[in-house]
PDB file of N, CA and C in Angstrom:
ATOM      1  N   SER A   1       0.866  -1.183  -0.185  1.00  0.00           N
ATOM      2  CA  SER A   1       0.015  -0.230  -0.028  1.00  0.00           C
ATOM      3  C   SER A   1       1.007   1.047  -0.463  1.00  0.00           C
ATOM      4  N   VAL A   2       0.092   2.624  -0.056  1.00  0.00           N
ATOM      5  CA  VAL A   2       1.105   4.077  -0.457  1.00  0.00           C
ATOM      6  C   VAL A   2       0.459   4.831   0.254  1.00  0.00           C
ATOM      7  N   VAL A   3       1.156   4.518   1.218  1.00  0.00           N
ATOM      8  CA  VAL A   3       0.912   6.440   2.213  1.00  0.00           C
ATOM      9  C   VAL A   3       1.128   7.348   2.203  1.00  0.00           C
ATOM     10  N   ASP A   4       0.520   8.526   1.468  1.00  0.00           N
ATOM     11  CA  ASP A   4       0.547  10.175   1.182  1.00  0.00           C
ATOM     12  C   ASP A   4       1.052  10.372   1.972  1.00  0.00           C
ATOM     13  N   LEU A   5       1.749  10.966   2.353  1.00  0.00           N
ATOM     14  CA  LEU A   5       2.267  12.112   3.173  1.00  0.00           C
ATOM     15  C   LEU A   5       1.823  13.623   2.697  1.00  0.00           C
ATOM     16  N   THR A   6       0.803  14.546   2.705  1.00  0.00           N
ATOM     17  CA  THR A   6       0.499  15.615   2.185  1.00  0.00           C
ATOM     18  C   THR A   6       1.294  16.536   3.097  1.00  0.00           C
ATOM     19  N   ASP A   7       1.782  18.188   2.594  1.00  0.00           N
ATOM     20  CA  ASP A   7       2.155  19.172   3.261  1.00  0.00           C
ATOM     21  C   ASP A   7       1.155  19.512   4.250  1.00  0.00           C
ATOM     22  N   SER A   8      -0.446  19.242   4.182  1.00  0.00           N
ATOM     23  CA  SER A   8      -1.504  19.682   5.089  1.00  0.00           C
ATOM     24  C   SER A   8      -1.273  19.139   6.673  1.00  0.00           C
ATOM     25  N   GLU A   9      -0.806  17.595   6.386  1.00  0.00           N
ATOM     26  CA  GLU A   9      -0.856  16.807   7.459  1.00  0.00           C
ATOM     27  C   GLU A   9       0.101  17.432   8.325  1.00  0.00           C
ATOM     28  N   ALA A  10       0.067  17.211   9.869  1.00  0.00           N
ATOM     29  CA  ALA A  10       1.783  17.740  10.614  1.00  0.00           C
ATOM     30  C   ALA A  10       2.135  16.467  10.845  1.00  0.00           C
ATOM     31  N   LYS A  11       3.287  16.736  11.138  1.00  0.00           N
ATOM     32  CA  LYS A  11       4.966  16.051  11.000  1.00  0.00           C
ATOM     33  C   LYS A  11       5.203  15.072  12.340  1.00  0.00           C
ATOM     34  N   PHE A  12       5.350  14.561  12.626  1.00  0.00           N
ATOM     35  CA  PHE A  12       6.134  13.991  13.729  1.00  0.00           C
ATOM     36  C   PHE A  12       7.724  13.381  13.044  1.00  0.00           C
ATOM     37  N   VAL A  13       8.342  14.192  14.397  1.00  0.00           N
ATOM     38  CA  VAL A  13       9.623  13.580  14.395  1.00  0.00           C
ATOM     39  C   VAL A  13      10.488  12.811  14.930  1.00  0.00           C
ATOM     40  N   LEU A  14      10.733  11.809  15.072  1.00  0.00           N
ATOM     41  CA  LEU A  14      11.425  11.126  15.439  1.00  0.00           C
ATOM     42  C   LEU A  14      12.369  11.273  16.719  1.00  0.00           C
ATOM     43  N   PRO A  15      12.584  11.092  17.540  1.00  0.00           N
ATOM     44  CA  PRO A  15      13.792  11.294  18.211  1.00  0.00           C
ATOM     45  C   PRO A  15      15.091  10.313  18.293  1.00  0.00           C
ATOM     46  N   ASN A  16      16.390  11.538  18.055  1.00  0.00           N
ATOM     47  CA  ASN A  16      17.666  10.833  17.130  1.00  0.00           C
ATOM     48  C   ASN A  16      18.245   9.754  18.097  1.00  0.00           C
ATOM     49  N   CYS A  17      17.862   8.348  18.026  1.00  0.00           N
ATOM     50  CA  CYS A  17      18.436   7.872  18.896  1.00  0.00           C
ATOM     51  C   CYS A  17      19.523   7.168  18.738  1.00  0.00           C
ATOM     52  N   PHE A  18      20.209   6.667  17.311  1.00  0.00           N
ATOM     53  CA  PHE A  18      21.437   6.721  17.066  1.00  0.00           C
ATOM     54  C   PHE A  18      22.498   7.820  18.097  1.00  0.00           C
ATOM     55  N   GLY A  19      21.822   8.722  17.847  1.00  0.00           N
ATOM     56  CA  GLY A  19      23.777   9.527  19.244  1.00  0.00           C
ATOM     57  C   GLY A  19      23.522   9.686  20.559  1.00  0.00           C
ATOM     58  N   ALA A  20      21.892   9.173  20.790  1.00  0.00           N
ATOM     59  CA  ALA A  20      21.877   9.051  22.298  1.00  0.00           C
ATOM     60  C   ALA A  20      21.691   8.098  22.913  1.00  0.00           C
ATOM     61  N   ARG A  21      22.703   7.185  22.626  1.00  0.00           N
ATOM     62  CA  ARG A  21      22.042   6.117  22.942  1.00  0.00           C
ATOM     63  C   ARG A  21      21.885   5.885  24.548  1.00  0.00           C
ATOM     64  N   GLY A  22      20.851   4.824  25.173  1.00  0.00           N
ATOM     65  CA  GLY A  22      20.248   4.582  26.371  1.00  0.00           C
ATOM     66  C   GLY A  22      19.037   5.734  26.097  1.00  0.00           C
ATOM     67  N   PHE A  23      18.972   6.356  25.132  1.00  0.00           N
ATOM     68  CA  PHE A  23      17.817   7.332  24.864  1.00  0.00           C
ATOM     69  C   PHE A  23      16.662   6.559  25.701  1.00  0.00           C
ATOM     70  N   LEU A  24      16.350   5.396  25.373  1.00  0.00           N
ATOM     71  CA  LEU A  24      14.948   5.157  25.817  1.00  0.00           C
ATOM     72  C   LEU A  24      15.387   4.456  27.342  1.00  0.00           C
ATOM     73  N   GLU A  25      16.270   4.036  27.375  1.00  0.00           N
ATOM     74  CA  GLU A  25      16.024   4.253  28.990  1.00  0.00           C
ATOM     75  C   GLU A  25      16.030   5.234  29.923  1.00  0.00           C
ATOM     76  N   LYS A  26      16.578   6.227  29.206  1.00  0.00           N
ATOM     77  CA  LYS A  26      16.299   7.271  30.220  1.00  0.00           C
ATOM     78  C   LYS A  26      14.695   8.230  29.858  1.00  0.00           C
ATOM     79  N   PHE A  27      14.073   7.718  28.412  1.00  0.00           N
ATOM     80  CA  PHE A  27      13.112   8.088  28.121  1.00  0.00           C
ATOM     81  C   PHE A  27      11.740   6.725  27.684  1.00  0.00           C
ATOM     82  N   PRO A  28      11.356   5.891  28.879  1.00  0.00           N
ATOM     83  CA  PRO A  28      10.682   5.269  28.232  1.00  0.00           C
ATOM     84  C   PRO A  28       9.446   5.273  27.480  1.00  0.00           C
ATOM     85  N   PRO A  29       9.205   4.515  26.110  1.00  0.00           N
ATOM     86  CA  PRO A  29       7.982   4.634  25.694  1.00  0.00           C
ATOM     87  C   PRO A  29       6.840   4.660  26.684  1.00  0.00           C
ATOM     88  N   ALA A  30       5.711   5.871  26.563  1.00  0.00           N
ATOM     89  CA  ALA A  30       4.411   5.203  27.206  1.00  0.00           C
ATOM     90  C   ALA A  30       3.366   5.841  26.485  1.00  0.00           C
ATOM     91  N   VAL A  31       2.195   5.925  26.546  1.00  0.00           N
ATOM     92  CA  VAL A  31       1.122   5.406  25.862  1.00  0.00           C
ATOM     93  C   VAL A  31       0.212   6.798  26.486  1.00  0.00           C
ATOM     94  N   ALA A  32       0.214   7.849  25.868  1.00  0.00           N
ATOM     95  CA  ALA A  32      -0.755   9.236  26.368  1.00  0.00           C
ATOM     96  C   ALA A  32      -2.261   8.500  27.081  1.00  0.00           C
ATOM     97  N   ASP A  33      -2.857   9.305  27.831  1.00  0.00           N
ATOM     98  CA  ASP A  33      -4.281   8.878  28.179  1.00  0.00           C
ATOM     99  C   ASP A  33      -5.043   8.789  27.442  1.00  0.00           C
ATOM    100  N   THR A  34      -5.529  10.133  26.406  1.00  0.00           N
ATOM    101  CA  THR A  34      -5.595  10.210  25.416  1.00  0.00           C
ATOM    102  C   THR A  34      -6.025   9.270  24.503  1.00  0.00           C
ATOM    103  N   GLU A  35      -4.797   8.613  23.966  1.00  0.00           N
ATOM    104  CA  GLU A  35      -4.903   7.330  23.263  1.00  0.00           C
ATOM    105  C   GLU A  35      -5.302   5.707  23.931  1.00  0.00           C
ATOM    106  N   LYS A  36      -5.039   5.715  25.266  1.00  0.00           N
ATOM    107  CA  LYS A  36      -5.260   4.314  26.108  1.00  0.00           C
ATOM    108  C   LYS A  36      -6.647   4.725  25.892  1.00  0.00           C
ATOM    109  N   SER A  37      -7.292   5.602  26.428  1.00  0.00           N
ATOM    110  CA  SER A  37      -9.404   5.460  26.161  1.00  0.00           C
ATOM    111  C   SER A  37      -9.213   5.295  24.899  1.00  0.00           C
ATOM    112  N   ILE A  38      -8.857   5.362  23.598  1.00  0.00           N
ATOM    113  CA  ILE A  38      -9.659   5.206  22.499  1.00  0.00           C
ATOM    114  C   ILE A  38      -8.995   4.361  22.631  1.00  0.00           C
ATOM    115  N   ILE A  39      -7.854   3.535  23.101  1.00  0.00           N
ATOM    116  CA  ILE A  39      -7.814   2.001  22.547  1.00  0.00           C
ATOM    117  C   ILE A  39      -8.856   1.250  23.219  1.00  0.00           C
ATOM    118  N   LEU A  40      -8.996   1.218  24.518  1.00  0.00           N
ATOM    119  CA  LEU A  40      -9.527   0.638  25.603  1.00  0.00           C
ATOM    120  C   LEU A  40     -11.018   0.510  25.125  1.00  0.00           C
ATOM    121  N   GLY A  41     -11.216   1.937  24.682  1.00  0.00           N
ATOM    122  CA  GLY A  41     -13.223   2.139  23.729  1.00  0.00           C
ATOM    123  C   GLY A  41     -13.044   1.242  22.356  1.00  0.00           C
ATOM    124  N   MET A  42     -12.235   0.992  22.115  1.00  0.00           N
ATOM    125  CA  MET A  42     -12.372   0.777  21.079  1.00  0.00           C
ATOM    126  C   MET A  42     -13.394  -1.237  20.943  1.00  0.00           C
ATOM    127  N   THR A  43     -13.897  -1.608  19.867  1.00  0.00           N
ATOM    128  CA  THR A  43     -14.195  -3.178  20.350  1.00  0.00           C
ATOM    129  C   THR A  43     -13.412  -3.647  19.792  1.00  0.00           C
ATOM    130  N   PRO A  44     -13.427  -5.139  19.883  1.00  0.00           N
ATOM    131  CA  PRO A  44     -12.092  -6.301  20.406  1.00  0.00           C
ATOM    132  C   PRO A  44     -12.122  -6.678  19.169  1.00  0.00           C
ATOM    133  N   ALA A  45     -12.754  -6.723  17.786  1.00  0.00           N
ATOM    134  CA  ALA A  45     -12.683  -6.308  16.316  1.00  0.00           C
ATOM    135  C   ALA A  45     -11.953  -5.062  15.645  1.00  0.00           C
ATOM    136  N   ALA A  46     -12.648  -3.821  16.203  1.00  0.00           N
ATOM    137  CA  ALA A  46     -11.798  -2.566  15.782  1.00  0.00           C
ATOM    138  C   ALA A  46     -10.253  -2.954  16.516  1.00  0.00           C
ATOM    139  N   ARG A  47     -10.107  -3.234  17.492  1.00  0.00           N
ATOM    140  CA  ARG A  47      -8.606  -3.128  18.085  1.00  0.00           C
ATOM    141  C   ARG A  47      -8.186  -4.263  17.718  1.00  0.00           C
ATOM    142  N   GLU A  48      -8.598  -5.692  17.011  1.00  0.00           N
ATOM    143  CA  GLU A  48      -7.256  -6.311  16.153  1.00  0.00           C
ATOM    144  C   GLU A  48      -7.584  -5.716  14.397  1.00  0.00           C
ATOM    145  N   ALA A  49      -8.334  -5.274  14.057  1.00  0.00           N
ATOM    146  CA  ALA A  49      -7.759  -4.677  12.801  1.00  0.00           C
ATOM    147  C   ALA A  49      -6.964  -3.327  13.103  1.00  0.00           C
ATOM    148  N   GLN A  50      -6.739  -2.568  13.978  1.00  0.00           N
ATOM    149  CA  GLN A  50      -5.866  -1.799  14.115  1.00  0.00           C
ATOM    150  C   GLN A  50      -4.460  -1.585  14.603  1.00  0.00           C
ATOM    151  N   LEU A  51      -4.693  -3.282  15.212  1.00  0.00           N
ATOM    152  CA  LEU A  51      -3.111  -3.739  15.418  1.00  0.00           C
ATOM    153  C   LEU A  51      -2.762  -4.568  14.681  1.00  0.00           C
ATOM    154  N   VAL A  52      -3.450  -5.238  13.423  1.00  0.00           N
ATOM    155  CA  VAL A  52      -3.041  -5.897  12.215  1.00  0.00           C
ATOM    156  C   VAL A  52      -2.371  -5.034  11.593  1.00  0.00           C
ATOM    157  N   ARG A  53      -3.006  -3.272  11.442  1.00  0.00           N
ATOM    158  CA  ARG A  53      -2.478  -2.187  10.318  1.00  0.00           C
ATOM    159  C   ARG A  53      -1.144  -1.951  10.933  1.00  0.00           C
ATOM    160  N   ASP A  54      -1.238  -1.632  12.372  1.00  0.00           N
ATOM    161  CA  ASP A  54       0.178  -0.895  12.713  1.00  0.00           C
ATOM    162  C   ASP A  54       1.601  -1.816  12.898  1.00  0.00           C
ATOM    163  N   THR A  55       0.800  -3.510  13.313  1.00  0.00           N
ATOM    164  CA  THR A  55       1.860  -4.561  13.254  1.00  0.00           C
ATOM    165  C   THR A  55       2.684  -4.247  11.510  1.00  0.00           C
ATOM    166  N   ALA A  56       1.755  -4.419  10.770  1.00  0.00           N
ATOM    167  CA  ALA A  56       2.411  -4.078   9.408  1.00  0.00           C
ATOM    168  C   ALA A  56       3.118  -3.187   8.662  1.00  0.00           C
ATOM    169  N   VAL A  57       2.836  -2.128   9.473  1.00  0.00           N
ATOM    170  CA  VAL A  57       3.011  -0.529   9.614  1.00  0.00           C
ATOM    171  C   VAL A  57       4.829  -0.878   9.798  1.00  0.00           C
ATOM    172  N   VAL A  58       4.874  -1.721  11.356  1.00  0.00           N
ATOM    173  CA  VAL A  58       6.251  -1.693  12.065  1.00  0.00           C
ATOM    174  C   VAL A  58       7.207  -2.927  10.985  1.00  0.00           C
ATOM    175  N   MET A  59       6.415  -3.584  10.432  1.00  0.00           N
ATOM    176  CA  MET A  59       7.062  -4.415   9.793  1.00  0.00           C
ATOM    177  C   MET A  59       7.837  -3.883   8.251  1.00  0.00           C
ATOM    178  N   TRP A  60       7.293  -2.911   7.540  1.00  0.00           N
ATOM    179  CA  TRP A  60       7.711  -2.363   6.529  1.00  0.00           C
ATOM    180  C   TRP A  60       8.838  -1.252   7.066  1.00  0.00           C
ATOM    181  N   LEU A  61       8.782  -0.956   8.129  1.00  0.00           N
ATOM    182  CA  LEU A  61       9.820   0.040   8.697  1.00  0.00           C
ATOM    183  C   LEU A  61      11.075  -1.119   9.100  1.00  0.00           C
ATOM    184  N   LEU A  62      10.806  -2.091   9.175  1.00  0.00           N
ATOM    185  CA  LEU A  62      12.049  -3.178   9.670  1.00  0.00           C
ATOM    186  C   LEU A  62      12.511  -3.321   8.648  1.00  0.00           C
ATOM    187  N   GLU A  63      11.677  -3.873   7.822  1.00  0.00           N
ATOM    188  CA  GLU A  63      12.344  -4.281   5.863  1.00  0.00           C
ATOM    189  C   GLU A  63      12.897  -3.139   5.391  1.00  0.00           C
ATOM    190  N   THR A  64      12.665  -1.780   5.716  1.00  0.00           N
ATOM    191  CA  THR A  64      13.368  -0.627   5.331  1.00  0.00           C
ATOM    192  C   THR A  64      14.663  -0.742   5.831  1.00  0.00           C
ATOM    193  N   ALA A  65      14.856  -0.573   6.966  1.00  0.00           N
ATOM    194  CA  ALA A  65      15.795  -0.831   7.705  1.00  0.00           C
ATOM    195  C   ALA A  65      16.616  -1.152   7.172  1.00  0.00           C
ATOM    196  N   LEU A  66      16.390  -2.564   6.986  1.00  0.00           N
ATOM    197  CA  LEU A  66      16.968  -4.269   6.462  1.00  0.00           C
ATOM    198  C   LEU A  66      17.719  -3.549   5.257  1.00  0.00           C
ATOM    199  N   VAL A  67      16.948  -3.007   4.238  1.00  0.00           N
ATOM    200  CA  VAL A  67      17.722  -2.694   3.385  1.00  0.00           C
ATOM    201  C   VAL A  67      18.565  -1.798   3.489  1.00  0.00           C
ATOM    202  N   LEU A  68      18.451  -0.610   4.061  1.00  0.00           N
ATOM    203  CA  LEU A  68      19.155   0.251   4.072  1.00  0.00           C
ATOM    204  C   LEU A  68      20.640   0.442   4.452  1.00  0.00           C
ATOM    205  N   ASN A  69      20.370  -0.641   5.647  1.00  0.00           N
ATOM    206  CA  ASN A  69      21.343  -1.348   6.611  1.00  0.00           C
ATOM    207  C   ASN A  69      22.827  -2.045   5.932  1.00  0.00           C
ATOM    208  N   ASN A  70      22.021  -2.688   5.124  1.00  0.00           N
ATOM    209  CA  ASN A  70      22.842  -3.399   4.383  1.00  0.00           C
ATOM    210  C   ASN A  70      24.581  -3.617   4.070  1.00  0.00           C
ATOM    211  N   GLU A  71      25.144  -3.907   4.202  1.00  0.00           N
ATOM    212  CA  GLU A  71      26.369  -3.636   3.686  1.00  0.00           C
ATOM    213  C   GLU A  71      27.042  -3.381   2.146  1.00  0.00           C
ATOM    214  N   GLU A  72      25.876  -3.906   1.422  1.00  0.00           N
ATOM    215  CA  GLU A  72      26.442  -3.493  -0.158  1.00  0.00           C
ATOM    216  C   GLU A  72      25.577  -2.103  -0.500  1.00  0.00           C
ATOM    217  N   THR A  73      24.907  -1.499  -0.192  1.00  0.00           N
ATOM    218  CA  THR A  73      24.217  -0.222  -0.104  1.00  0.00           C
ATOM    219  C   THR A  73      24.431   0.811   0.997  1.00  0.00           C
ATOM    220  N   CYS A  74      24.817   0.241   2.607  1.00  0.00           N
ATOM    221  CA  CYS A  74      25.265   1.040   3.477  1.00  0.00           C
ATOM    222  C   CYS A  74      26.897   0.375   4.247  1.00  0.00           C
ATOM    223  N   PRO A  75      27.497   0.342   3.640  1.00  0.00           N
ATOM    224  CA  PRO A  75      28.726  -0.068   3.967  1.00  0.00           C
ATOM    225  C   PRO A  75      29.161   0.377   5.313  1.00  0.00           C
ATOM    226  N   ALA A  76      29.564  -0.230   6.813  1.00  0.00           N
ATOM    227  CA  ALA A  76      29.915   0.034   7.858  1.00  0.00           C
ATOM    228  C   ALA A  76      31.217   0.811   8.013  1.00  0.00           C
ATOM    229  N   ALA A  77      32.197   0.805   6.800  1.00  0.00           N
ATOM    230  CA  ALA A  77      33.490   1.772   6.749  1.00  0.00           C
ATOM    231  C   ALA A  77      32.528   3.444   6.460  1.00  0.00           C
ATOM    232  N   GLU A  78      31.534   3.387   5.726  1.00  0.00           N
ATOM    233  CA  GLU A  78      31.314   4.447   5.951  1.00  0.00           C
ATOM    234  C   GLU A  78      30.489   5.179   7.062  1.00  0.00           C
ATOM    235  N   LEU A  79      29.544   4.172   7.959  1.00  0.00           N
ATOM    236  CA  LEU A  79      29.352   5.202   9.115  1.00  0.00           C
ATOM    237  C   LEU A  79      30.760   5.346   9.736  1.00  0.00           C
ATOM    238  N   LYS A  80      31.487   4.635   9.954  1.00  0.00           N
ATOM    239  CA  LYS A  80      32.728   5.531  10.698  1.00  0.00           C
ATOM    240  C   LYS A  80      33.175   6.819  10.895  1.00  0.00           C
TER     241      LYS A  80
END
């Protein structure tokens, strides 16, 4: 599937975790109370469907990271 990110959508920048090792230990991931309410208010079927979509996105990001970190396309020597 294609994700269309237009300029009218709000942007979310991920924190710089590569340059700040231990970031997640210092700032553990948390779910905002409003998001928690939305999730808990969903029907089991809606929650399952959303979880499937979210899992697919995570897998897509992991696949992208694996491709970009491939030794042939991103030699470790260039990162040093």
